[in-house]
All heavy atoms as atom14 arrays in JSON, in Angstrom:
{
  "sequence": "VEPANAPLPATPPTPVPAHAPAKQAVAIMSPHERELRKKLKELREHI",
  "atom14_mask": [
    [1, 1, 1, 1, 1, 1, 1, 0, 0, 0, 0, 0, 0, 0],
    [1, 1, 1, 1, 1, 1, 1, 1, 1, 0, 0, 0, 0, 0],
    [1, 1, 1, 1, 1, 1, 1, 0, 0, 0, 0, 0, 0, 0],
    [1, 1, 1, 1, 1, 0, 0, 0, 0, 0, 0, 0, 0, 0],
    [1, 1, 1, 1, 1, 1, 1, 1, 0, 0, 0, 0, 0, 0],
    [1, 1, 1, 1, 1, 0, 0, 0, 0, 0, 0, 0, 0, 0],
    [1, 1, 1, 1, 1, 1, 1, 0, 0, 0, 0, 0, 0, 0],
    [1, 1, 1, 1, 1, 1, 1, 1, 0, 0, 0, 0, 0, 0],
    [1, 1, 1, 1, 1, 1, 1, 0, 0, 0, 0, 0, 0, 0],
    [1, 1, 1, 1, 1, 0, 0, 0, 0, 0, 0, 0, 0, 0],
    [1, 1, 1, 1, 1, 1, 1, 0, 0, 0, 0, 0, 0, 0],
    [1, 1, 1, 1, 1, 1, 1, 0, 0, 0, 0, 0, 0, 0],
    [1, 1, 1, 1, 1, 1, 1, 0, 0, 0, 0, 0, 0, 0],
    [1, 1, 1, 1, 1, 1, 1, 0, 0, 0, 0, 0, 0, 0],
    [1, 1, 1, 1, 1, 1, 1, 0, 0, 0, 0, 0, 0, 0],
    [1, 1, 1, 1, 1, 1, 1, 0, 0, 0, 0, 0, 0, 0],
    [1, 1, 1, 1, 1, 1, 1, 0, 0, 0, 0, 0, 0, 0],
    [1, 1, 1, 1, 1, 0, 0, 0, 0, 0, 0, 0, 0, 0],
    [1, 1, 1, 1, 1, 1, 1, 1, 1, 1, 0, 0, 0, 0],
    [1, 1, 1, 1, 1, 0, 0, 0, 0, 0, 0, 0, 0, 0],
    [1, 1, 1, 1, 1, 1, 1, 0, 0, 0, 0, 0, 0, 0],
    [1, 1, 1, 1, 1, 0, 0, 0, 0, 0, 0, 0, 0, 0],
    [1, 1, 1, 1, 1, 1, 1, 1, 1, 0, 0, 0, 0, 0],
    [1, 1, 1, 1, 1, 1, 1, 1, 1, 0, 0, 0, 0, 0],
    [1, 1, 1, 1, 1, 0, 0, 0, 0, 0, 0, 0, 0, 0],
    [1, 1, 1, 1, 1, 1, 1, 0, 0, 0, 0, 0, 0, 0],
    [1, 1, 1, 1, 1, 0, 0, 0, 0, 0, 0, 0, 0, 0],
    [1, 1, 1, 1, 1, 1, 1, 1, 0, 0, 0, 0, 0, 0],
    [1, 1, 1, 1, 1, 1, 1, 1, 0, 0, 0, 0, 0, 0],
    [1, 1, 1, 1, 1, 1, 0, 0, 0, 0, 0, 0, 0, 0],
    [1, 1, 1, 1, 1, 1, 1, 0, 0, 0, 0, 0, 0, 0],
    [1, 1, 1, 1, 1, 1, 1, 1, 1, 1, 0, 0, 0, 0],
    [1, 1, 1, 1, 1, 1, 1, 1, 1, 0, 0, 0, 0, 0],
    [1, 1, 1, 1, 1, 1, 1, 1, 1, 1, 1, 0, 0, 0],
    [1, 1, 1, 1, 1, 1, 1, 1, 1, 0, 0, 0, 0, 0],
    [1, 1, 1, 1, 1, 1, 1, 1, 0, 0, 0, 0, 0, 0],
    [1, 1, 1, 1, 1, 1, 1, 1, 1, 1, 1, 0, 0, 0],
    [1, 1, 1, 1, 1, 1, 1, 1, 1, 0, 0, 0, 0, 0],
    [1, 1, 1, 1, 1, 1, 1, 1, 1, 0, 0, 0, 0, 0],
    [1, 1, 1, 1, 1, 1, 1, 1, 0, 0, 0, 0, 0, 0],
    [1, 1, 1, 1, 1, 1, 1, 1, 1, 0, 0, 0, 0, 0],
    [1, 1, 1, 1, 1, 1, 1, 1, 1, 0, 0, 0, 0, 0],
    [1, 1, 1, 1, 1, 1, 1, 1, 0, 0, 0, 0, 0, 0],
    [1, 1, 1, 1, 1, 1, 1, 1, 1, 1, 1, 0, 0, 0],
    [1, 1, 1, 1, 1, 1, 1, 1, 1, 0, 0, 0, 0, 0],
    [1, 1, 1, 1, 1, 1, 1, 1, 1, 1, 0, 0, 0, 0],
    [1, 1, 1, 1, 1, 1, 1, 1, 0, 0, 0, 0, 0, 0]
  ],
  "atom14_positions": [
    [[0.86, -1.18, 0.0], [0.0, 0.0, 0.0], [0.9, 1.23, 0.0], [1.8, 1.35, 0.82], [-0.92, 0.01, 1.24], [-1.75, 1.27, 1.28], [-1.79, -1.23, 1.25], [0.0, 0.0, 0.0], [0.0, 0.0, 0.0], [0.0, 0.0, 0.0], [0.0, 0.0, 0.0], [0.0, 0.0, 0.0], [0.0, 0.0, 0.0], [0.0, 0.0, 0.0]],
    [[0.63, 2.16, -0.93], [1.45, 3.36, -1.03], [1.06, 4.35, 0.07], [-0.12, 4.55, 0.36], [1.25, 4.01, -2.4], [1.82, 3.19, -3.52], [1.75, 3.93, -4.85], [1.77, 5.17, -4.85], [1.67, 3.25, -5.87], [0.0, 0.0, 0.0], [0.0, 0.0, 0.0], [0.0, 0.0, 0.0], [0.0, 0.0, 0.0], [0.0, 0.0, 0.0]],
    [[2.04, 5.0, 0.67], [1.73, 6.01, 1.67], [1.05, 7.21, 1.03], [1.2, 7.47, -0.16], [3.1, 6.39, 2.25], [4.1, 5.94, 1.24], [3.46, 4.8, 0.5], [0.0, 0.0, 0.0], [0.0, 0.0, 0.0], [0.0, 0.0, 0.0], [0.0, 0.0, 0.0], [0.0, 0.0, 0.0], [0.0, 0.0, 0.0], [0.0, 0.0, 0.0]],
    [[0.31, 7.97, 1.83], [-0.45, 9.11, 1.33], [0.45, 10.17, 0.71], [0.04, 10.89, -0.18], [-1.29, 9.71, 2.45], [0.0, 0.0, 0.0], [0.0, 0.0, 0.0], [0.0, 0.0, 0.0], [0.0, 0.0, 0.0], [0.0, 0.0, 0.0], [0.0, 0.0, 0.0], [0.0, 0.0, 0.0], [0.0, 0.0, 0.0], [0.0, 0.0, 0.0]],
    [[1.7, 10.28, 1.18], [2.59, 11.31, 0.66], [3.49, 10.8, -0.47], [4.47, 11.44, -0.81], [3.43, 11.92, 1.79], [4.3, 10.86, 2.45], [4.19, 9.68, 2.16], [5.15, 11.3, 3.36], [0.0, 0.0, 0.0], [0.0, 0.0, 0.0], [0.0, 0.0, 0.0], [0.0, 0.0, 0.0], [0.0, 0.0, 0.0], [0.0, 0.0, 0.0]],
    [[3.17, 9.65, -1.03], [3.98, 9.1, -2.13], [3.86, 10.0, -3.36], [2.81, 10.59, -3.6], [3.5, 7.7, -2.49], [0.0, 0.0, 0.0], [0.0, 0.0, 0.0], [0.0, 0.0, 0.0], [0.0, 0.0, 0.0], [0.0, 0.0, 0.0], [0.0, 0.0, 0.0], [0.0, 0.0, 0.0], [0.0, 0.0, 0.0], [0.0, 0.0, 0.0]],
    [[4.95, 10.15, -4.13], [4.88, 10.99, -5.31], [3.92, 10.41, -6.34], [3.73, 9.19, -6.43], [6.31, 10.98, -5.85], [6.94, 9.77, -5.26], [6.25, 9.51, -3.96], [0.0, 0.0, 0.0], [0.0, 0.0, 0.0], [0.0, 0.0, 0.0], [0.0, 0.0, 0.0], [0.0, 0.0, 0.0], [0.0, 0.0, 0.0], [0.0, 0.0, 0.0]],
    [[3.3, 11.27, -7.09], [2.37, 10.83, -8.13], [3.15, 10.18, -9.27], [4.27, 10.6, -9.56], [1.58, 12.02, -8.67], [0.63, 12.68, -7.68], [0.03, 13.94, -8.3], [-0.47, 11.72, -7.28], [0.0, 0.0, 0.0], [0.0, 0.0, 0.0], [0.0, 0.0, 0.0], [0.0, 0.0, 0.0], [0.0, 0.0, 0.0], [0.0, 0.0, 0.0]],
    [[2.57, 9.17, -9.91], [3.27, 8.55, -11.04], [3.39, 9.54, -12.18], [2.59, 10.47, -12.31], [2.38, 7.37, -11.42], [1.04, 7.68, -10.84], [1.28, 8.56, -9.65], [0.0, 0.0, 0.0], [0.0, 0.0, 0.0], [0.0, 0.0, 0.0], [0.0, 0.0, 0.0], [0.0, 0.0, 0.0], [0.0, 0.0, 0.0], [0.0, 0.0, 0.0]],
    [[4.39, 9.32, -13.02], [4.59, 10.18, -14.19], [3.4, 10.07, -15.12], [2.74, 9.03, -15.2], [5.87, 9.78, -14.91], [0.0, 0.0, 0.0], [0.0, 0.0, 0.0], [0.0, 0.0, 0.0], [0.0, 0.0, 0.0], [0.0, 0.0, 0.0], [0.0, 0.0, 0.0], [0.0, 0.0, 0.0], [0.0, 0.0, 0.0], [0.0, 0.0, 0.0]],
    [[3.13, 11.13, -15.85], [2.05, 11.12, -16.82], [2.4, 10.12, -17.92], [3.51, 10.16, -18.46], [1.88, 12.52, -17.43], [1.68, 13.43, -16.37], [0.72, 12.56, -18.4], [0.0, 0.0, 0.0], [0.0, 0.0, 0.0], [0.0, 0.0, 0.0], [0.0, 0.0, 0.0], [0.0, 0.0, 0.0], [0.0, 0.0, 0.0], [0.0, 0.0, 0.0]],
    [[1.48, 9.22, -18.26], [1.8, 8.24, -19.3], [2.01, 8.93, -20.64], [1.38, 9.95, -20.93], [0.57, 7.34, -19.33], [-0.5, 8.06, -18.61], [0.15, 9.06, -17.71], [0.0, 0.0, 0.0], [0.0, 0.0, 0.0], [0.0, 0.0, 0.0], [0.0, 0.0, 0.0], [0.0, 0.0, 0.0], [0.0, 0.0, 0.0], [0.0, 0.0, 0.0]],
    [[2.94, 8.39, -21.46], [3.19, 9.0, -22.75], [1.99, 8.83, -23.68], [1.26, 7.85, -23.57], [4.4, 8.23, -23.28], [4.39, 6.94, -22.55], [3.75, 7.21, -21.22], [0.0, 0.0, 0.0], [0.0, 0.0, 0.0], [0.0, 0.0, 0.0], [0.0, 0.0, 0.0], [0.0, 0.0, 0.0], [0.0, 0.0, 0.0], [0.0, 0.0, 0.0]],
    [[1.81, 9.77, -24.57], [0.74, 9.65, -25.55], [1.26, 8.88, -26.75], [2.46, 8.93, -27.06], [0.26, 11.04, -26.01], [1.39, 11.77, -26.49], [-0.39, 11.8, -24.88], [0.0, 0.0, 0.0], [0.0, 0.0, 0.0], [0.0, 0.0, 0.0], [0.0, 0.0, 0.0], [0.0, 0.0, 0.0], [0.0, 0.0, 0.0], [0.0, 0.0, 0.0]],
    [[0.4, 8.12, -27.43], [0.84, 7.37, -28.59], [1.42, 8.31, -29.66], [0.96, 9.44, -29.82], [-0.43, 6.7, -29.1], [-1.35, 6.68, -27.92], [-0.99, 7.9, -27.11], [0.0, 0.0, 0.0], [0.0, 0.0, 0.0], [0.0, 0.0, 0.0], [0.0, 0.0, 0.0], [0.0, 0.0, 0.0], [0.0, 0.0, 0.0], [0.0, 0.0, 0.0]],
    [[2.45, 7.83, -30.36], [3.11, 8.63, -31.38], [2.39, 8.44, -32.71], [2.26, 7.32, -33.18], [4.59, 8.18, -31.54], [5.29, 8.99, -32.61], [5.31, 8.28, -30.21], [0.0, 0.0, 0.0], [0.0, 0.0, 0.0], [0.0, 0.0, 0.0], [0.0, 0.0, 0.0], [0.0, 0.0, 0.0], [0.0, 0.0, 0.0], [0.0, 0.0, 0.0]],
    [[1.89, 9.53, -33.34], [1.25, 9.38, -34.63], [2.25, 8.9, -35.68], [3.45, 9.17, -35.58], [0.75, 10.79, -34.97], [0.83, 11.56, -33.69], [1.83, 10.89, -32.83], [0.0, 0.0, 0.0], [0.0, 0.0, 0.0], [0.0, 0.0, 0.0], [0.0, 0.0, 0.0], [0.0, 0.0, 0.0], [0.0, 0.0, 0.0], [0.0, 0.0, 0.0]],
    [[1.77, 8.2, -36.7], [2.63, 7.63, -37.73], [3.42, 8.71, -38.46], [4.54, 8.46, -38.9], [1.8, 6.82, -38.71], [0.0, 0.0, 0.0], [0.0, 0.0, 0.0], [0.0, 0.0, 0.0], [0.0, 0.0, 0.0], [0.0, 0.0, 0.0], [0.0, 0.0, 0.0], [0.0, 0.0, 0.0], [0.0, 0.0, 0.0], [0.0, 0.0, 0.0]],
    [[2.89, 9.92, -38.58], [3.57, 10.96, -39.33], [4.62, 11.72, -38.51], [5.36, 12.52, -39.03], [2.54, 11.95, -39.9], [1.75, 12.65, -38.83], [0.65, 12.06, -38.25], [1.93, 13.83, -38.22], [0.17, 12.89, -37.33], [0.92, 13.97, -37.29], [0.0, 0.0, 0.0], [0.0, 0.0, 0.0], [0.0, 0.0, 0.0], [0.0, 0.0, 0.0]],
    [[4.68, 11.45, -37.2], [5.63, 12.15, -36.34], [7.03, 11.61, -36.56], [7.22, 10.42, -36.82], [5.23, 11.97, -34.87], [0.0, 0.0, 0.0], [0.0, 0.0, 0.0], [0.0, 0.0, 0.0], [0.0, 0.0, 0.0], [0.0, 0.0, 0.0], [0.0, 0.0, 0.0], [0.0, 0.0, 0.0], [0.0, 0.0, 0.0], [0.0, 0.0, 0.0]],
    [[8.06, 12.47, -36.45], [9.42, 11.98, -36.61], [9.77, 11.02, -35.47], [9.36, 11.23, -34.33], [10.28, 13.24, -36.55], [9.42, 14.28, -35.92], [7.99, 13.9, -36.19], [0.0, 0.0, 0.0], [0.0, 0.0, 0.0], [0.0, 0.0, 0.0], [0.0, 0.0, 0.0], [0.0, 0.0, 0.0], [0.0, 0.0, 0.0], [0.0, 0.0, 0.0]],
    [[10.5, 9.97, -35.79], [10.86, 8.96, -34.8], [11.88, 9.55, -33.82], [12.79, 10.25, -34.21], [11.44, 7.74, -35.48], [0.0, 0.0, 0.0], [0.0, 0.0, 0.0], [0.0, 0.0, 0.0], [0.0, 0.0, 0.0], [0.0, 0.0, 0.0], [0.0, 0.0, 0.0], [0.0, 0.0, 0.0], [0.0, 0.0, 0.0], [0.0, 0.0, 0.0]],
    [[11.7, 9.25, -32.52], [12.64, 9.68, -31.5], [13.39, 8.47, -31.01], [12.86, 7.36, -30.99], [11.91, 10.36, -30.34], [11.34, 11.7, -30.71], [10.8, 12.41, -29.49], [10.31, 13.79, -29.86], [9.8, 14.5, -28.69], [0.0, 0.0, 0.0], [0.0, 0.0, 0.0], [0.0, 0.0, 0.0], [0.0, 0.0, 0.0], [0.0, 0.0, 0.0]],
    [[14.6, 8.67, -30.59], [15.48, 7.61, -30.11], [15.4, 7.53, -28.59], [15.46, 8.56, -27.92], [16.91, 7.93, -30.55], [17.91, 6.9, -30.16], [17.88, 5.7, -31.06], [17.35, 5.76, -32.15], [18.43, 4.61, -30.61], [0.0, 0.0, 0.0], [0.0, 0.0, 0.0], [0.0, 0.0, 0.0], [0.0, 0.0, 0.0], [0.0, 0.0, 0.0]],
    [[15.26, 6.33, -28.03], [15.31, 6.15, -26.58], [16.76, 6.31, -26.14], [17.67, 5.81, -26.79], [14.8, 4.77, -26.21], [0.0, 0.0, 0.0], [0.0, 0.0, 0.0], [0.0, 0.0, 0.0], [0.0, 0.0, 0.0], [0.0, 0.0, 0.0], [0.0, 0.0, 0.0], [0.0, 0.0, 0.0], [0.0, 0.0, 0.0], [0.0, 0.0, 0.0]],
    [[16.98, 7.04, -25.05], [18.33, 7.29, -24.56], [18.39, 7.04, -23.07], [17.39, 7.1, -22.38], [18.81, 8.73, -24.87], [18.92, 8.95, -26.36], [17.9, 9.75, -24.25], [0.0, 0.0, 0.0], [0.0, 0.0, 0.0], [0.0, 0.0, 0.0], [0.0, 0.0, 0.0], [0.0, 0.0, 0.0], [0.0, 0.0, 0.0], [0.0, 0.0, 0.0]],
    [[19.6, 6.75, -22.58], [19.79, 6.53, -21.15], [21.25, 6.81, -20.79], [22.14, 6.62, -21.62], [19.44, 5.1, -20.77], [0.0, 0.0, 0.0], [0.0, 0.0, 0.0], [0.0, 0.0, 0.0], [0.0, 0.0, 0.0], [0.0, 0.0, 0.0], [0.0, 0.0, 0.0], [0.0, 0.0, 0.0], [0.0, 0.0, 0.0], [0.0, 0.0, 0.0]],
    [[21.46, 7.27, -19.58], [22.82, 7.4, -19.05], [22.99, 6.19, -18.16], [22.23, 5.97, -17.22], [22.98, 8.71, -18.26], [22.81, 9.89, -19.21], [24.35, 8.74, -17.58], [22.85, 11.24, -18.53], [0.0, 0.0, 0.0], [0.0, 0.0, 0.0], [0.0, 0.0, 0.0], [0.0, 0.0, 0.0], [0.0, 0.0, 0.0], [0.0, 0.0, 0.0]],
    [[24.0, 5.38, -18.45], [24.16, 4.11, -17.75], [25.33, 4.13, -16.78], [26.37, 4.72, -17.07], [24.37, 2.98, -18.77], [23.18, 2.74, -19.66], [23.37, 1.28, -20.68], [24.61, 1.83, -21.81], [0.0, 0.0, 0.0], [0.0, 0.0, 0.0], [0.0, 0.0, 0.0], [0.0, 0.0, 0.0], [0.0, 0.0, 0.0], [0.0, 0.0, 0.0]],
    [[25.15, 3.41, -15.7], [26.22, 3.23, -14.72], [27.17, 2.16, -15.26], [26.83, 1.42, -16.18], [25.63, 2.77, -13.39], [25.15, 1.43, -13.5], [0.0, 0.0, 0.0], [0.0, 0.0, 0.0], [0.0, 0.0, 0.0], [0.0, 0.0, 0.0], [0.0, 0.0, 0.0], [0.0, 0.0, 0.0], [0.0, 0.0, 0.0], [0.0, 0.0, 0.0]],
    [[28.36, 2.04, -14.68], [29.28, 0.97, -15.11], [28.65, -0.42, -14.98], [28.85, -1.28, -15.84], [30.48, 1.13, -14.16], [30.45, 2.58, -13.77], [28.99, 2.95, -13.72], [0.0, 0.0, 0.0], [0.0, 0.0, 0.0], [0.0, 0.0, 0.0], [0.0, 0.0, 0.0], [0.0, 0.0, 0.0], [0.0, 0.0, 0.0], [0.0, 0.0, 0.0]],
    [[27.84, -0.63, -13.94], [27.17, -1.93, -13.75], [26.2, -2.19, -14.91], [26.15, -3.29, -15.45], [26.44, -1.94, -12.41], [25.65, -3.19, -12.16], [26.25, -4.41, -11.91], [24.32, -3.41, -12.14], [25.3, -5.32, -11.74], [24.12, -4.74, -11.87], [0.0, 0.0, 0.0], [0.0, 0.0, 0.0], [0.0, 0.0, 0.0], [0.0, 0.0, 0.0]],
    [[25.41, -1.17, -15.26], [24.47, -1.32, -16.37], [25.19, -1.56, -17.69], [24.75, -2.33, -18.53], [23.57, -0.08, -16.47], [22.6, 0.02, -15.32], [21.97, 1.39, -15.19], [22.62, 2.4, -15.57], [20.84, 1.46, -14.7], [0.0, 0.0, 0.0], [0.0, 0.0, 0.0], [0.0, 0.0, 0.0], [0.0, 0.0, 0.0], [0.0, 0.0, 0.0]],
    [[26.33, -0.88, -17.9], [27.12, -1.09, -19.12], [27.6, -2.55, -19.19], [27.59, -3.15, -20.26], [28.31, -0.14, -19.15], [28.16, 0.94, -20.19], [29.45, 1.7, -20.36], [29.34, 3.06, -20.06], [29.32, 3.74, -18.9], [29.48, 3.28, -17.92], [29.19, 4.95, -18.71], [0.0, 0.0, 0.0], [0.0, 0.0, 0.0], [0.0, 0.0, 0.0]],
    [[28.02, -3.09, -18.05], [28.48, -4.48, -18.0], [27.33, -5.44, -18.33], [27.51, -6.41, -19.07], [29.07, -4.79, -16.62], [29.62, -6.2, -16.49], [30.8, -6.51, -17.39], [31.52, -5.57, -17.8], [30.99, -7.69, -17.71], [0.0, 0.0, 0.0], [0.0, 0.0, 0.0], [0.0, 0.0, 0.0], [0.0, 0.0, 0.0], [0.0, 0.0, 0.0]],
    [[26.14, -5.18, -17.77], [24.98, -6.02, -18.08], [24.64, -5.95, -19.56], [24.35, -6.97, -20.19], [23.77, -5.59, -17.24], [23.84, -5.91, -15.76], [22.64, -5.28, -15.04], [23.87, -7.4, -15.54], [0.0, 0.0, 0.0], [0.0, 0.0, 0.0], [0.0, 0.0, 0.0], [0.0, 0.0, 0.0], [0.0, 0.0, 0.0], [0.0, 0.0, 0.0]],
    [[24.69, -4.76, -20.13], [24.41, -4.58, -21.55], [25.42, -5.35, -22.4], [25.07, -5.99, -23.38], [24.45, -3.09, -21.88], [24.05, -2.77, -23.28], [24.18, -1.25, -23.48], [23.62, -0.85, -24.72], [22.38, -0.46, -24.91], [21.55, -0.4, -23.9], [21.97, -0.12, -26.09], [0.0, 0.0, 0.0], [0.0, 0.0, 0.0], [0.0, 0.0, 0.0]],
    [[26.69, -5.31, -21.98], [27.74, -6.04, -22.69], [27.45, -7.54, -22.66], [27.59, -8.24, -23.66], [29.1, -5.73, -22.05], [30.27, -6.45, -22.68], [31.55, -6.11, -21.95], [32.67, -7.01, -22.43], [33.83, -6.96, -21.54], [0.0, 0.0, 0.0], [0.0, 0.0, 0.0], [0.0, 0.0, 0.0], [0.0, 0.0, 0.0], [0.0, 0.0, 0.0]],
    [[27.03, -8.04, -21.49], [26.73, -9.47, -21.36], [25.51, -9.86, -22.19], [25.48, -10.94, -22.79], [26.53, -9.83, -19.89], [27.83, -9.82, -19.12], [27.63, -10.17, -17.66], [28.97, -10.11, -16.96], [28.9, -10.46, -15.57], [0.0, 0.0, 0.0], [0.0, 0.0, 0.0], [0.0, 0.0, 0.0], [0.0, 0.0, 0.0], [0.0, 0.0, 0.0]],
    [[24.5, -8.99, -22.25], [23.33, -9.28, -23.1], [23.75, -9.35, -24.57], [23.29, -10.22, -25.31], [22.25, -8.22, -22.9], [21.43, -8.32, -21.63], [20.53, -7.1, -21.48], [20.62, -9.59, -21.61], [0.0, 0.0, 0.0], [0.0, 0.0, 0.0], [0.0, 0.0, 0.0], [0.0, 0.0, 0.0], [0.0, 0.0, 0.0], [0.0, 0.0, 0.0]],
    [[24.62, -8.44, -24.96], [25.11, -8.45, -26.34], [25.89, -9.73, -26.63], [25.72, -10.35, -27.68], [25.98, -7.21, -26.59], [26.39, -7.05, -28.03], [27.14, -5.75, -28.24], [27.52, -5.62, -29.7], [28.24, -4.39, -29.96], [0.0, 0.0, 0.0], [0.0, 0.0, 0.0], [0.0, 0.0, 0.0], [0.0, 0.0, 0.0], [0.0, 0.0, 0.0]],
    [[26.73, -10.14, -25.68], [27.49, -11.39, -25.84], [26.55, -12.59, -25.93], [26.77, -13.5, -26.72], [28.46, -11.56, -24.67], [29.63, -10.61, -24.71], [30.48, -10.65, -23.44], [30.17, -11.43, -22.5], [31.46, -9.87, -23.37], [0.0, 0.0, 0.0], [0.0, 0.0, 0.0], [0.0, 0.0, 0.0], [0.0, 0.0, 0.0], [0.0, 0.0, 0.0]],
    [[25.49, -12.6, -25.12], [24.52, -13.68, -25.15], [23.86, -13.77, -26.53], [23.77, -14.83, -27.13], [23.45, -13.49, -24.07], [22.27, -14.46, -24.12], [22.72, -15.88, -23.83], [21.18, -14.03, -23.16], [0.0, 0.0, 0.0], [0.0, 0.0, 0.0], [0.0, 0.0, 0.0], [0.0, 0.0, 0.0], [0.0, 0.0, 0.0], [0.0, 0.0, 0.0]],
    [[23.41, -12.62, -27.03], [22.77, -12.59, -28.35], [23.74, -13.08, -29.43], [23.38, -13.88, -30.29], [22.28, -11.18, -28.67], [21.56, -11.12, -30.0], [21.06, -9.71, -30.3], [20.39, -9.67, -31.56], [19.1, -9.93, -31.76], [18.34, -10.22, -30.74], [18.58, -9.89, -32.95], [0.0, 0.0, 0.0], [0.0, 0.0, 0.0], [0.0, 0.0, 0.0]],
    [[25.0, -12.6, -29.39], [25.99, -13.03, -30.37], [26.26, -14.53, -30.28], [26.4, -15.21, -31.3], [27.28, -12.23, -30.2], [27.16, -10.79, -30.66], [28.37, -9.94, -30.3], [29.33, -10.44, -29.67], [28.34, -8.74, -30.66], [0.0, 0.0, 0.0], [0.0, 0.0, 0.0], [0.0, 0.0, 0.0], [0.0, 0.0, 0.0], [0.0, 0.0, 0.0]],
    [[26.34, -15.05, -29.05], [26.57, -16.49, -28.87], [25.44, -17.31, -29.48], [25.68, -18.29, -30.18], [26.72, -16.81, -27.37], [26.84, -18.28, -27.1], [28.02, -18.95, -27.25], [25.91, -19.2, -26.72], [27.82, -20.24, -26.97], [26.55, -20.41, -26.64], [0.0, 0.0, 0.0], [0.0, 0.0, 0.0], [0.0, 0.0, 0.0], [0.0, 0.0, 0.0]],
    [[24.21, -16.9, -29.2], [23.05, -17.64, -29.73], [23.02, -17.58, -31.24], [22.85, -18.6, -31.91], [21.74, -17.11, -29.11], [21.69, -17.49, -27.62], [20.53, -17.67, -29.85], [20.57, -16.84, -26.85], [0.0, 0.0, 0.0], [0.0, 0.0, 0.0], [0.0, 0.0, 0.0], [0.0, 0.0, 0.0], [0.0, 0.0, 0.0], [0.0, 0.0, 0.0]]
  ]
}
């Protein structure tokens, strides 16, 4: 159960119309996340 003073969830994104320019998802990753990403890439390449 969330406490009464919990922050409100972010506003959900609106669907992107087909004519809108495509946007790229971006993230700033920690060294740990970079290592996980590297391992996922290695897994995909191995398979």
